[in-house]
Amino acid sequence: MVKSVKFVWKACDNPVNKNNTKSYKKMKKIFEKSIVSSKNIKKGEKITLKNITLKKPGSGLAYNLINKILGKKTNKFIIKDKLITFKDLN
C-alpha cells in the first residue's frame, strides 16, 4: 500500500501536458482509425453506415468526422477498403 501511495504522489508531482502531443503524432496515426469504404461504392451513391467502416491507420478522415459525411453522395466510384476523403464526395 505504501508503494501505491508513493506512486500516486509521484504522479501528482509530475502532471502530463496533454496539449503537447508532438512526440505522439506518428504513433497517433498508427493507432487511430480512419473512415474507409467497406464495399465498392458507386458514383452518386449516398454514404451510409452500411458502406463505410473504421480501420487503422489514422491517415484519412478521422472517425469523429463521420456525421459530416453520412448522407453525402459520392462523385466517383470508390473501391472497397479505400480511405474516404472529402474530395470523393459532393
PDB file of N, CA and C in Angstrom:
ATOM      1  N   MET A   1       0.826  -1.195   0.000  1.00  0.00           N
ATOM      2  CA  MET A   1       0.000   0.000   0.000  1.00  0.00           C
ATOM      3  C   MET A   1       0.870   1.258   0.000  1.00  0.00           C
ATOM      4  N   VAL A   2       1.974   1.195   0.703  1.00  0.00           N
ATOM      5  CA  VAL A   2       2.880   2.344   0.759  1.00  0.00           C
ATOM      6  C   VAL A   2       3.416   2.666  -0.636  1.00  0.00           C
ATOM      7  N   LYS A   3       3.734   1.617  -1.426  1.00  0.00           N
ATOM      8  CA  LYS A   3       4.219   1.827  -2.796  1.00  0.00           C
ATOM      9  C   LYS A   3       3.163   2.524  -3.646  1.00  0.00           C
ATOM     10  N   SER A   4       1.914   2.130  -3.458  1.00  0.00           N
ATOM     11  CA  SER A   4       0.815   2.736  -4.232  1.00  0.00           C
ATOM     12  C   SER A   4       0.658   4.205  -3.895  1.00  0.00           C
ATOM     13  N   VAL A   5       0.747   4.534  -2.631  1.00  0.00           N
ATOM     14  CA  VAL A   5       0.613   5.931  -2.199  1.00  0.00           C
ATOM     15  C   VAL A   5       1.770   6.758  -2.761  1.00  0.00           C
ATOM     16  N   LYS A   6       2.973   6.214  -2.708  1.00  0.00           N
ATOM     17  CA  LYS A   6       4.142   6.920  -3.254  1.00  0.00           C
ATOM     18  C   LYS A   6       3.985   7.132  -4.754  1.00  0.00           C
ATOM     19  N   PHE A   7       3.450   6.118  -5.441  1.00  0.00           N
ATOM     20  CA  PHE A   7       3.225   6.231  -6.886  1.00  0.00           C
ATOM     21  C   PHE A   7       2.241   7.355  -7.199  1.00  0.00           C
ATOM     22  N   VAL A   8       1.165   7.433  -6.441  1.00  0.00           N
ATOM     23  CA  VAL A   8       0.162   8.487  -6.649  1.00  0.00           C
ATOM     24  C   VAL A   8       0.772   9.855  -6.394  1.00  0.00           C
ATOM     25  N   TRP A   9       1.558  10.011  -5.328  1.00  0.00           N
ATOM     26  CA  TRP A   9       2.194  11.295  -5.050  1.00  0.00           C
ATOM     27  C   TRP A   9       3.162  11.677  -6.174  1.00  0.00           C
ATOM     28  N   LYS A  10       3.897  10.697  -6.668  1.00  0.00           N
ATOM     29  CA  LYS A  10       4.837  10.957  -7.762  1.00  0.00           C
ATOM     30  C   LYS A  10       4.081  11.408  -9.018  1.00  0.00           C
ATOM     31  N   ALA A  11       2.957  10.750  -9.316  1.00  0.00           N
ATOM     32  CA  ALA A  11       2.140  11.120 -10.476  1.00  0.00           C
ATOM     33  C   ALA A  11       1.576  12.532 -10.322  1.00  0.00           C
ATOM     34  N   CYS A  12       1.158  12.869  -9.123  1.00  0.00           N
ATOM     35  CA  CYS A  12       0.613  14.219  -8.874  1.00  0.00           C
ATOM     36  C   CYS A  12       1.690  15.294  -9.013  1.00  0.00           C
ATOM     37  N   ASP A  13       2.922  14.953  -8.656  1.00  0.00           N
ATOM     38  CA  ASP A  13       4.028  15.908  -8.766  1.00  0.00           C
ATOM     39  C   ASP A  13       4.527  16.085 -10.196  1.00  0.00           C
ATOM     40  N   ASN A  14       4.148  15.178 -11.096  1.00  0.00           N
ATOM     41  CA  ASN A  14       4.602  15.215 -12.488  1.00  0.00           C
ATOM     42  C   ASN A  14       3.404  15.156 -13.434  1.00  0.00           C
ATOM     43  N   PRO A  15       2.636  16.241 -13.532  1.00  0.00           N
ATOM     44  CA  PRO A  15       1.448  16.208 -14.405  1.00  0.00           C
ATOM     45  C   PRO A  15       1.837  16.082 -15.879  1.00  0.00           C
ATOM     46  N   VAL A  16       0.939  15.503 -16.657  1.00  0.00           N
ATOM     47  CA  VAL A  16       1.156  15.312 -18.088  1.00  0.00           C
ATOM     48  C   VAL A  16       0.572  16.503 -18.833  1.00  0.00           C
ATOM     49  N   ASN A  17       1.359  17.074 -19.729  1.00  0.00           N
ATOM     50  CA  ASN A  17       0.882  18.176 -20.561  1.00  0.00           C
ATOM     51  C   ASN A  17       0.188  17.575 -21.773  1.00  0.00           C
ATOM     52  N   LYS A  18      -1.134  17.519 -21.742  1.00  0.00           N
ATOM     53  CA  LYS A  18      -1.899  16.895 -22.825  1.00  0.00           C
ATOM     54  C   LYS A  18      -1.986  17.776 -24.059  1.00  0.00           C
ATOM     55  N   ASN A  19      -1.533  19.007 -23.975  1.00  0.00           N
ATOM     56  CA  ASN A  19      -1.531  19.899 -25.133  1.00  0.00           C
ATOM     57  C   ASN A  19      -0.285  19.711 -25.994  1.00  0.00           C
ATOM     58  N   ASN A  20       0.739  19.103 -25.448  1.00  0.00           N
ATOM     59  CA  ASN A  20       1.982  18.877 -26.173  1.00  0.00           C
ATOM     60  C   ASN A  20       2.004  17.443 -26.692  1.00  0.00           C
ATOM     61  N   THR A  21       1.461  17.257 -27.885  1.00  0.00           N
ATOM     62  CA  THR A  21       1.348  15.910 -28.446  1.00  0.00           C
ATOM     63  C   THR A  21       2.272  15.694 -29.649  1.00  0.00           C
ATOM     64  N   LYS A  22       3.233  16.570 -29.835  1.00  0.00           N
ATOM     65  CA  LYS A  22       4.127  16.460 -30.991  1.00  0.00           C
ATOM     66  C   LYS A  22       4.829  15.105 -31.053  1.00  0.00           C
ATOM     67  N   SER A  23       5.292  14.624 -29.918  1.00  0.00           N
ATOM     68  CA  SER A  23       6.038  13.361 -29.918  1.00  0.00           C
ATOM     69  C   SER A  23       5.141  12.154 -30.183  1.00  0.00           C
ATOM     70  N   TYR A  24       3.827  12.320 -30.095  1.00  0.00           N
ATOM     71  CA  TYR A  24       2.897  11.212 -30.287  1.00  0.00           C
ATOM     72  C   TYR A  24       2.220  11.213 -31.652  1.00  0.00           C
ATOM     73  N   LYS A  25       2.509  12.197 -32.501  1.00  0.00           N
ATOM     74  CA  LYS A  25       1.822  12.300 -33.789  1.00  0.00           C
ATOM     75  C   LYS A  25       1.991  11.055 -34.655  1.00  0.00           C
ATOM     76  N   LYS A  26       3.196  10.538 -34.753  1.00  0.00           N
ATOM     77  CA  LYS A  26       3.451   9.362 -35.579  1.00  0.00           C
ATOM     78  C   LYS A  26       2.688   8.155 -35.020  1.00  0.00           C
ATOM     79  N   MET A  27       2.754   7.996 -33.712  1.00  0.00           N
ATOM     80  CA  MET A  27       2.061   6.881 -33.076  1.00  0.00           C
ATOM     81  C   MET A  27       0.543   7.051 -33.189  1.00  0.00           C
ATOM     82  N   LYS A  28       0.083   8.283 -33.120  1.00  0.00           N
ATOM     83  CA  LYS A  28      -1.349   8.566 -33.223  1.00  0.00           C
ATOM     84  C   LYS A  28      -1.888   8.120 -34.581  1.00  0.00           C
ATOM     85  N   LYS A  29      -1.140   8.392 -35.651  1.00  0.00           N
ATOM     86  CA  LYS A  29      -1.572   7.976 -36.986  1.00  0.00           C
ATOM     87  C   LYS A  29      -1.665   6.458 -37.107  1.00  0.00           C
ATOM     88  N   ILE A  30      -0.794   5.763 -36.422  1.00  0.00           N
ATOM     89  CA  ILE A  30      -0.786   4.309 -36.487  1.00  0.00           C
ATOM     90  C   ILE A  30      -1.975   3.707 -35.743  1.00  0.00           C
ATOM     91  N   PHE A  31      -2.300   4.258 -34.586  1.00  0.00           N
ATOM     92  CA  PHE A  31      -3.305   3.639 -33.730  1.00  0.00           C
ATOM     93  C   PHE A  31      -4.711   4.209 -33.871  1.00  0.00           C
ATOM     94  N   GLU A  32      -4.855   5.393 -34.458  1.00  0.00           N
ATOM     95  CA  GLU A  32      -6.196   5.924 -34.677  1.00  0.00           C
ATOM     96  C   GLU A  32      -6.801   5.284 -35.915  1.00  0.00           C
ATOM     97  N   LYS A  33      -8.104   5.431 -36.040  1.00  0.00           N
ATOM     98  CA  LYS A  33      -8.799   4.827 -37.177  1.00  0.00           C
ATOM     99  C   LYS A  33      -9.315   5.888 -38.127  1.00  0.00           C
ATOM    100  N   SER A  34      -9.434   5.503 -39.397  1.00  0.00           N
ATOM    101  CA  SER A  34      -9.942   6.376 -40.455  1.00  0.00           C
ATOM    102  C   SER A  34     -11.210   5.782 -41.049  1.00  0.00           C
ATOM    103  N   ILE A  35     -11.971   6.630 -41.731  1.00  0.00           N
ATOM    104  CA  ILE A  35     -13.187   6.191 -42.406  1.00  0.00           C
ATOM    105  C   ILE A  35     -12.795   5.567 -43.745  1.00  0.00           C
ATOM    106  N   VAL A  36     -13.259   4.330 -43.961  1.00  0.00           N
ATOM    107  CA  VAL A  36     -12.881   3.533 -45.132  1.00  0.00           C
ATOM    108  C   VAL A  36     -14.146   2.920 -45.728  1.00  0.00           C
ATOM    109  N   SER A  37     -14.141   2.717 -47.041  1.00  0.00           N
ATOM    110  CA  SER A  37     -15.280   2.048 -47.682  1.00  0.00           C
ATOM    111  C   SER A  37     -15.262   0.569 -47.307  1.00  0.00           C
ATOM    112  N   SER A  38     -16.404   0.051 -46.887  1.00  0.00           N
ATOM    113  CA  SER A  38     -16.493  -1.358 -46.503  1.00  0.00           C
ATOM    114  C   SER A  38     -16.891  -2.244 -47.679  1.00  0.00           C
ATOM    115  N   LYS A  39     -17.264  -1.588 -48.798  1.00  0.00           N
ATOM    116  CA  LYS A  39     -17.609  -2.296 -50.033  1.00  0.00           C
ATOM    117  C   LYS A  39     -17.426  -1.312 -51.179  1.00  0.00           C
ATOM    118  N   ASN A  40     -17.531  -1.771 -52.407  1.00  0.00           N
ATOM    119  CA  ASN A  40     -17.476  -0.853 -53.537  1.00  0.00           C
ATOM    120  C   ASN A  40     -18.672   0.087 -53.458  1.00  0.00           C
ATOM    121  N   ILE A  41     -18.427   1.375 -53.682  1.00  0.00           N
ATOM    122  CA  ILE A  41     -19.488   2.378 -53.634  1.00  0.00           C
ATOM    123  C   ILE A  41     -19.585   3.021 -55.008  1.00  0.00           C
ATOM    124  N   LYS A  42     -20.766   2.967 -55.596  1.00  0.00           N
ATOM    125  CA  LYS A  42     -20.977   3.517 -56.935  1.00  0.00           C
ATOM    126  C   LYS A  42     -20.985   5.042 -56.911  1.00  0.00           C
ATOM    127  N   LYS A  43     -20.660   5.628 -58.066  1.00  0.00           N
ATOM    128  CA  LYS A  43     -20.741   7.073 -58.220  1.00  0.00           C
ATOM    129  C   LYS A  43     -22.196   7.503 -57.998  1.00  0.00           C
ATOM    130  N   GLY A  44     -22.403   8.531 -57.167  1.00  0.00           N
ATOM    131  CA  GLY A  44     -23.740   9.035 -56.886  1.00  0.00           C
ATOM    132  C   GLY A  44     -24.438   8.354 -55.721  1.00  0.00           C
ATOM    133  N   GLU A  45     -23.839   7.290 -55.197  1.00  0.00           N
ATOM    134  CA  GLU A  45     -24.431   6.572 -54.060  1.00  0.00           C
ATOM    135  C   GLU A  45     -24.190   7.359 -52.769  1.00  0.00           C
ATOM    136  N   LYS A  46     -25.168   7.331 -51.869  1.00  0.00           N
ATOM    137  CA  LYS A  46     -25.037   8.030 -50.590  1.00  0.00           C
ATOM    138  C   LYS A  46     -24.157   7.229 -49.631  1.00  0.00           C
ATOM    139  N   ILE A  47     -23.402   7.962 -48.828  1.00  0.00           N
ATOM    140  CA  ILE A  47     -22.585   7.342 -47.790  1.00  0.00           C
ATOM    141  C   ILE A  47     -23.501   7.012 -46.611  1.00  0.00           C
ATOM    142  N   THR A  48     -23.466   5.739 -46.198  1.00  0.00           N
ATOM    143  CA  THR A  48     -24.259   5.269 -45.059  1.00  0.00           C
ATOM    144  C   THR A  48     -23.366   4.430 -44.144  1.00  0.00           C
ATOM    145  N   LEU A  49     -23.886   4.073 -43.010  1.00  0.00           N
ATOM    146  CA  LEU A  49     -23.129   3.202 -42.109  1.00  0.00           C
ATOM    147  C   LEU A  49     -22.952   1.804 -42.684  1.00  0.00           C
ATOM    148  N   LYS A  50     -23.752   1.477 -43.700  1.00  0.00           N
ATOM    149  CA  LYS A  50     -23.653   0.150 -44.320  1.00  0.00           C
ATOM    150  C   LYS A  50     -22.514   0.063 -45.338  1.00  0.00           C
ATOM    151  N   ASN A  51     -22.041   1.204 -45.861  1.00  0.00           N
ATOM    152  CA  ASN A  51     -20.984   1.126 -46.872  1.00  0.00           C
ATOM    153  C   ASN A  51     -19.648   1.732 -46.420  1.00  0.00           C
ATOM    154  N   ILE A  52     -19.548   2.066 -45.137  1.00  0.00           N
ATOM    155  CA  ILE A  52     -18.261   2.535 -44.595  1.00  0.00           C
ATOM    156  C   ILE A  52     -17.948   1.781 -43.312  1.00  0.00           C
ATOM    157  N   THR A  53     -16.688   1.840 -42.927  1.00  0.00           N
ATOM    158  CA  THR A  53     -16.230   1.240 -41.681  1.00  0.00           C
ATOM    159  C   THR A  53     -15.031   2.044 -41.192  1.00  0.00           C
ATOM    160  N   LEU A  54     -14.512   1.687 -40.045  1.00  0.00           N
ATOM    161  CA  LEU A  54     -13.333   2.348 -39.489  1.00  0.00           C
ATOM    162  C   LEU A  54     -12.180   1.353 -39.466  1.00  0.00           C
ATOM    163  N   LYS A  55     -11.018   1.810 -39.947  1.00  0.00           N
ATOM    164  CA  LYS A  55      -9.829   0.944 -39.970  1.00  0.00           C
ATOM    165  C   LYS A  55      -8.588   1.766 -39.657  1.00  0.00           C
ATOM    166  N   LYS A  56      -7.589   1.043 -39.171  1.00  0.00           N
ATOM    167  CA  LYS A  56      -6.282   1.663 -38.956  1.00  0.00           C
ATOM    168  C   LYS A  56      -5.526   1.663 -40.261  1.00  0.00           C
ATOM    169  N   PRO A  57      -4.621   2.550 -40.520  1.00  0.00           N
ATOM    170  CA  PRO A  57      -4.127   3.647 -39.691  1.00  0.00           C
ATOM    171  C   PRO A  57      -4.995   4.887 -39.814  1.00  0.00           C
ATOM    172  N   GLY A  58      -4.704   5.866 -39.003  1.00  0.00           N
ATOM    173  CA  GLY A  58      -5.482   7.097 -38.976  1.00  0.00           C
ATOM    174  C   GLY A  58      -4.960   8.161 -39.915  1.00  0.00           C
ATOM    175  N   SER A  59      -4.634   7.784 -41.135  1.00  0.00           N
ATOM    176  CA  SER A  59      -4.076   8.752 -42.090  1.00  0.00           C
ATOM    177  C   SER A  59      -5.147   9.367 -42.986  1.00  0.00           C
ATOM    178  N   GLY A  60      -6.399   8.969 -42.826  1.00  0.00           N
ATOM    179  CA  GLY A  60      -7.508   9.518 -43.620  1.00  0.00           C
ATOM    180  C   GLY A  60      -8.410  10.377 -42.756  1.00  0.00           C
ATOM    181  N   LEU A  61      -9.689  10.447 -43.131  1.00  0.00           N
ATOM    182  CA  LEU A  61     -10.653  11.204 -42.334  1.00  0.00           C
ATOM    183  C   LEU A  61     -10.849  10.505 -40.992  1.00  0.00           C
ATOM    184  N   ALA A  62     -10.777  11.270 -39.931  1.00  0.00           N
ATOM    185  CA  ALA A  62     -10.923  10.720 -38.587  1.00  0.00           C
ATOM    186  C   ALA A  62     -12.364  10.305 -38.314  1.00  0.00           C
ATOM    187  N   TYR A  63     -12.518   9.358 -37.430  1.00  0.00           N
ATOM    188  CA  TYR A  63     -13.839   8.822 -37.086  1.00  0.00           C
ATOM    189  C   TYR A  63     -14.790   9.884 -36.564  1.00  0.00           C
ATOM    190  N   ASN A  64     -14.253  10.946 -35.947  1.00  0.00           N
ATOM    191  CA  ASN A  64     -15.132  11.992 -35.401  1.00  0.00           C
ATOM    192  C   ASN A  64     -15.773  12.850 -36.499  1.00  0.00           C
ATOM    193  N   LEU A  65     -15.399  12.651 -37.760  1.00  0.00           N
ATOM    194  CA  LEU A  65     -15.996  13.382 -38.880  1.00  0.00           C
ATOM    195  C   LEU A  65     -17.093  12.575 -39.563  1.00  0.00           C
ATOM    196  N   ILE A  66     -17.426  11.439 -39.017  1.00  0.00           N
ATOM    197  CA  ILE A  66     -18.376  10.536 -39.661  1.00  0.00           C
ATOM    198  C   ILE A  66     -19.731  11.191 -39.910  1.00  0.00           C
ATOM    199  N   ASN A  67     -20.205  12.003 -38.978  1.00  0.00           N
ATOM    200  CA  ASN A  67     -21.504  12.658 -39.155  1.00  0.00           C
ATOM    201  C   ASN A  67     -21.485  13.699 -40.269  1.00  0.00           C
ATOM    202  N   LYS A  68     -20.301  14.221 -40.607  1.00  0.00           N
ATOM    203  CA  LYS A  68     -20.194  15.201 -41.693  1.00  0.00           C
ATOM    204  C   LYS A  68     -20.276  14.555 -43.073  1.00  0.00           C
ATOM    205  N   ILE A  69     -19.990  13.252 -43.168  1.00  0.00           N
ATOM    206  CA  ILE A  69     -20.024  12.607 -44.486  1.00  0.00           C
ATOM    207  C   ILE A  69     -21.246  11.722 -44.695  1.00  0.00           C
ATOM    208  N   LEU A  70     -21.919  11.328 -43.620  1.00  0.00           N
ATOM    209  CA  LEU A  70     -23.117  10.486 -43.770  1.00  0.00           C
ATOM    210  C   LEU A  70     -24.184  11.229 -44.565  1.00  0.00           C
ATOM    211  N   GLY A  71     -24.749  10.570 -45.558  1.00  0.00           N
ATOM    212  CA  GLY A  71     -25.780  11.174 -46.398  1.00  0.00           C
ATOM    213  C   GLY A  71     -25.241  11.904 -47.615  1.00  0.00           C
ATOM    214  N   LYS A  72     -23.929  12.145 -47.669  1.00  0.00           N
ATOM    215  CA  LYS A  72     -23.323  12.795 -48.844  1.00  0.00           C
ATOM    216  C   LYS A  72     -23.245  11.784 -49.983  1.00  0.00           C
ATOM    217  N   LYS A  73     -23.310  12.290 -51.207  1.00  0.00           N
ATOM    218  CA  LYS A  73     -23.184  11.427 -52.385  1.00  0.00           C
ATOM    219  C   LYS A  73     -21.749  11.427 -52.877  1.00  0.00           C
ATOM    220  N   THR A  74     -21.353  10.295 -53.422  1.00  0.00           N
ATOM    221  CA  THR A  74     -20.002  10.184 -53.975  1.00  0.00           C
ATOM    222  C   THR A  74     -19.962  10.801 -55.365  1.00  0.00           C
ATOM    223  N   ASN A  75     -18.828  11.357 -55.726  1.00  0.00           N
ATOM    224  CA  ASN A  75     -18.676  11.933 -57.061  1.00  0.00           C
ATOM    225  C   ASN A  75     -17.854  11.042 -57.985  1.00  0.00           C
ATOM    226  N   LYS A  76     -17.512   9.836 -57.490  1.00  0.00           N
ATOM    227  CA  LYS A  76     -16.790   8.861 -58.299  1.00  0.00           C
ATOM    228  C   LYS A  76     -16.957   7.483 -57.682  1.00  0.00           C
ATOM    229  N   PHE A  77     -16.582   6.468 -58.431  1.00  0.00           N
ATOM    230  CA  PHE A  77     -16.618   5.094 -57.940  1.00  0.00           C
ATOM    231  C   PHE A  77     -15.525   4.928 -56.890  1.00  0.00           C
ATOM    232  N   ILE A  78     -15.856   4.344 -55.752  1.00  0.00           N
ATOM    233  CA  ILE A  78     -14.887   4.131 -54.674  1.00  0.00           C
ATOM    234  C   ILE A  78     -14.771   2.626 -54.432  1.00  0.00           C
ATOM    235  N   ILE A  79     -13.552   2.125 -54.546  1.00  0.00           N
ATOM    236  CA  ILE A  79     -13.349   0.684 -54.353  1.00  0.00           C
ATOM    237  C   ILE A  79     -13.350   0.333 -52.861  1.00  0.00           C
ATOM    238  N   LYS A  80     -13.612  -0.935 -52.575  1.00  0.00           N
ATOM    239  CA  LYS A  80     -13.620  -1.439 -51.205  1.00  0.00           C
ATOM    240  C   LYS A  80     -12.264  -1.204 -50.543  1.00  0.00           C
ATOM    241  N   ASP A  81     -12.282  -0.834 -49.280  1.00  0.00           N
ATOM    242  CA  ASP A  81     -11.098  -0.610 -48.436  1.00  0.00           C
ATOM    243  C   ASP A  81     -10.309   0.647 -48.791  1.00  0.00           C
ATOM    244  N   LYS A  82     -10.921   1.584 -49.517  1.00  0.00           N
ATOM    245  CA  LYS A  82     -10.248   2.846 -49.837  1.00  0.00           C
ATOM    246  C   LYS A  82     -10.557   3.872 -48.745  1.00  0.00           C
ATOM    247  N   LEU A  83      -9.540   4.650 -48.366  1.00  0.00           N
ATOM    248  CA  LEU A  83      -9.769   5.749 -47.435  1.00  0.00           C
ATOM    249  C   LEU A  83     -10.714   6.751 -48.086  1.00  0.00           C
ATOM    250  N   ILE A  84     -11.747   7.164 -47.379  1.00  0.00           N
ATOM    251  CA  ILE A  84     -12.696   8.154 -47.890  1.00  0.00           C
ATOM    252  C   ILE A  84     -12.113   9.537 -47.631  1.00  0.00           C
ATOM    253  N   THR A  85     -12.192  10.406 -48.646  1.00  0.00           N
ATOM    254  CA  THR A  85     -11.751  11.800 -48.477  1.00  0.00           C
ATOM    255  C   THR A  85     -12.895  12.720 -48.854  1.00  0.00           C
ATOM    256  N   PHE A  86     -12.797  13.984 -48.462  1.00  0.00           N
ATOM    257  CA  PHE A  86     -13.824  14.951 -48.840  1.00  0.00           C
ATOM    258  C   PHE A  86     -13.856  15.152 -50.357  1.00  0.00           C
ATOM    259  N   LYS A  87     -12.728  14.915 -51.035  1.00  0.00           N
ATOM    260  CA  LYS A  87     -12.679  15.040 -52.497  1.00  0.00           C
ATOM    261  C   LYS A  87     -13.537  13.993 -53.187  1.00  0.00           C
ATOM    262  N   ASP A  88     -13.817  12.890 -52.498  1.00  0.00           N
ATOM    263  CA  ASP A  88     -14.644  11.818 -53.068  1.00  0.00           C
ATOM    264  C   ASP A  88     -16.143  12.128 -52.997  1.00  0.00           C
ATOM    265  N   LEU A  89     -16.505  13.198 -52.308  1.00  0.00           N
ATOM    266  CA  LEU A  89     -17.907  13.490 -52.008  1.00  0.00           C
ATOM    267  C   LEU A  89     -18.360  14.808 -52.606  1.00  0.00           C
ATOM    268  N   ASN A  90     -19.673  14.878 -52.903  1.00  0.00           N
ATOM    269  CA  ASN A  90     -20.277  16.134 -53.393  1.00  0.00           C
ATOM    270  C   ASN A  90     -20.667  16.994 -52.205  1.00  0.00           C
TER     271      ASN A  90
END
